[in-house]
Amino acid sequence: MAEAHQAVAFQFTVTPDGIDFHLSREALKHVYLSGVTSWMKRCSRFKNGVLTGVYPASPSSWLIVVIAIMSIMYTKVDPSMGVIDGIKKTLPVSGYLTVQTQTVLSAMLFATGLWLSLIMILRYTLKLLLSYHGWMFEPHGKMSITSKIWASLVKMLSGRRPLLYSFQASLPRLPVPSIDATMTRYLESVRPLLDDEQYNQMEMVANEFKKDPAPKLQKYLILKSWWASNYVSDWWEEYIYLRGRGPIMVNSNYYSMDLLYITPTHRQAARAGNAIHAMLQYRHKLDRGEHAPIRALGIVPMCSYQMERMFNTSRIPGVETDFVQHLKDRKHMVVYHKGRYFKVWLYHGGRHLRPSELEMQFQKILNDKTEPQPGELKLAALTAGERIPWAKARAKFFSQGTNKMSLDAIEKAAIFLTLDDETHGYEKEKLRSLDLYAKSLLHGKCYDRWFDKSFNLIAFTNGKLGINAEHSWADAPIIVHMWEYVLGTDSFQLGYTDDGHCKGEMNMNLTPPSKLQWDIPQECQDVVESSYKVAKAIADDVDFHGCLFNEFGKGLIKKCKTSPDAFVQIALQLAHFRDKGEFCLTYEASMTRLFREGRTETVRSCTNESTAFVRAMEDSNKTSQERLQLFHKAAEKHQHMYRLAMTGKGIDRHLFCLYIVSQYLGIDSPFLKQVLSEPWRLSTSQTPQQQLYLVDLQKYPDFISAGGGFGPVADDGYGVSYIIVGENLITFHISSKFSSPETDSYRFGQNIRQAMLDIKALFDVKNKKI
C-alpha cells in the first residue's frame, strides 16, 4: 500500500463540513516537472520541425529576404514588378491598416512567397544533384572533374548543421529499372548456375515474359513510383515480413553482439543500467531529430526514415497479416527475469533515471525471489512460434482484464530488457564460446526474449550484452547505428566506479519495479506449450559457428587494390564450391538508402567471373598470374553489381514488385513464379561499422564489435554475416541446419579461412610478400 500512496498526487474525503483536500507537495512537484518536460519536448520538436521544414534554408534567411526587399523598395524600385501592388490592392484599408502598413505587409507577404519559392528551387536542385551517381562508378581515389564539381555543389547546398531528417524532402525517388535491363541482368546472373539446355529454356521463358505481360505490369509500377515515396518499401515490409505466417525467431529476427574483447563491468545490473541510460539519451536526440544524418563520403545523405520506429515499437500478430505498432513518448520499459515480467518507470521528476538509479531498479528485480505465475514462465514462446496461433490466443485470452493490461505494458514499452540467467561472451580459451553466445542472442531458451519487440536488450550474468532485433520495421544498419552509440557512450562517457557500479547519485524513493500480473487459463497454457515446442525444434536445429579471421584484414586487402567486400564475397564463392562441389544462387544485401524510404536490394554474387576464378583455383594447370587476372575481373564485376544495386538498378526488388502487381491483376506468370521460388542457398550480409567515431581504434585497438548474424535462409544452405573491423580482423557468423546432411557450419568456416588465405597467397606470389 505504501507504493500506491506514493503514486497518488492528492486525496479527498467527503465530510459534513464539505470536501477535505490533502495535497502532496512532492507528488505535485513531479506532476509539474513532468509537464515542463513535456512542453519542452513539444517546443523542441516544433523548432526542429521548422528547421527541417525549411531546409536547406534557415528561418533566419526569411528575415534576410524581407530586409532585402524592404531595402530595395526604400530606393523607390519595385523588386516584385507589380506583384506587391497587386497584393496591396487585396488588403482592406481601415483605421488599423493604413496605406503605409499595407505596403509593409504586402512587401512581407511577397518576400515570404519569394523565400518559399527559393527553398523549393534549392530543394529541387539538391534532389537533382543527389540523383547523380557517377561518383560511385569511378575508380577509388580518382574522382573526375565532373564529380568534384558535383561534390562541391552538394556541400554548398547541404548547409552547415543538418538535422537527422533535413534531407528527407531532397532525396530522389527510387527509379524503376527498364524491363530490358532487368531481364538482361537476370539471365546473366543465372547463367553460371544452369547448363546450356536449362539456360536456353530459361531464356525462352524470360523472353515470353518480356513480350507479355511485362509491359503491362511495368506501367502500373511506374505509376506507383510517381505516386508513392518508394515503389518497393511498403510492399517489401508487408509481403516479405508482415504477411509471413511462420515463426520469426531465427527465420527473420537477427542479433548484434557486444564488444569482442572488453567487458567494462561484470555487474549485470550496472551494465544494463548504463546501456539503458545511453539508449534513453539516443532516443531523446532521435525524438527531436538531432542526430546528424549518415552521409556516404561525408557528403551524400542517406534516408533516415527507418529510424523513426526504433523505440516504443512492437509487431502485433494477426491471422492474415501482422502490423507494426509505433507509439510516442512511452515512459516505461519492461524487464524479463527468470520467467517474471516487471514494469520499470524510466522517468522521475521530469528527467530520465540516472544509470545508478536504473542499476538499483534492476538489482531489485535480480533480488526478487518470487516464482512465475501459472503459464507465465514460457509466455514469450507465443512470439517465437507460428503467427496464427499467437494471433488467435492474443484475441481470445489477452483482449481484456489483467492480461490485456500486462500485454499492453509489454507491447507499448519503450524498451524490452532481458536480465538473462546465463553467462555468455567470447572467451578465447573456451571452445565454441562465440557459437553459444550467438545462439543465445538469436533464440535463447525460446521464451526469454519477446521477439515481437523492435529489439530486445539482453544482459548476461557476467555483464556481457547483446541485441535481438525484429526485422520488419528496419534493417540492420539502423539498429547498428544505435548500438554503436550505446557501446561508445557506455564505456567512454558514462563509465563505472572502481568496484564496477554505475556512477552518480541515486534517489532512494523511486517507485519500485512492479510485477506484471497474469491470469492465464489452461487452454492458453496449452497454446504456449505448443508454440514452445515449435520454437524449440527450430532453435535446436540451428548449427552455428563464429569464425574470427585475424590472419589479415582490410588493411592488407586495400594494399592489394581490391574492395574488401569483393575480396570476402569471392572467398565465399570459393569456400562454398569446396564445401559442396557446386555453385549456388547467392544473396548479398545492399542498401538503397540513397533514395527516399529505401531499404535493401540484392547483389547476386555468384557471377560468370567469380565462377571462372573458382574453377581456375581448383585447376592445377592454371598459373598464379592467370588466377590473379581472373580474380581482378571477378572483383571488378562484383563492385559494379554492388554499385548498380545501390543506385536503384538491381534485379530482385523490381521482379518482386512486378510479381505483386501480377497478383493484384490476376495475371499468372510462370517466369515470375520460378524466379521468386529459387532458393538462396548462400545468403550473406556485411554488418556496417558506422559510428565508432566516438573511439580512436588506433588508440583503443581492443574496442571492436563482434558484429552480428542471422539464421539460415534455406534448409540446405548457409547464412553468413561478416564484419570487417579495424585493419586486421574479419568476423564471420555462419549458420546452417543440423538437419541438413549437406551443411556443417564449422566445416564451412574452415573453408572460408582457407579460401581467404589462398587468395592472399596469389598476391604474395605477385608482390613477393606484401
Foldseek 3Di string as FASTA:
>chain_A
DVLVVVQDQWDWDQDPVGIDIDGDPQNVLLVVLQVVLVVVLVVLQVQLCQQLVLPPPGPVVLVVLLVVQVVCVVVVDHPVVCQLVVQLVVDDDDPVCHSVNSSSVSSSVVSVVVSSVVSVVLLQVLLVLLLDDPQLLDAPPDGDPVVVVSLVSLVVRRHDADFANNNQSSFAEQDFDDLVLLLVVVLQLCVQVDDPVVSVVLNVQSVVVSVPDVVVLVVVLRVCSVVDQYSFQVCCLWVVPFQDQWFCQQQFKWKFWAFAPDFQFQALLLLVLLLVVLLVVVVSSVSSRHDGFFAVVVRQGFAPVLLNQLFQWFWAFDQRTIDIDGDPDAQWEWEDEQLWIWIGGQDTSNHGFHSQQSSVQVVVVVPDPDHHDVLRRQVLLLNRGGRNLSNVCCVVFQPDDLNVVLVCSHSRHGAYEYAYAADAHDDPVDPQRVVVNQLCQRQNLSRRDNQRGQKYWYGYSRNTIMMIGGPSSADQQSVLQSVLSSNLCSPPPFHADPNRHTDDDHDPPDSHIDIRDHDADPVNSVSSVVSSVRSNVVSVFKFKGKFKFQPWFVQVVVVVVFDRVLLLLLLLQLLVCVQQVRGAFEWEWAWQRSGNPTHTATQRLDGPLSVVLSVLLVDPVHDLVRSLVSSVVSRSVSSVSNSCRNSNNGRDSSLVSSVVSCVVVVHDRPSSVVVVPGDNQEYEYERDDGPNPSDDCVVVVSRDTLTIFGEGNDQQHKYWYWYGDDTGIIMIMIIHTPPHPSDHRVSSSVSSSVSSVVNVVSVCVVVVHD
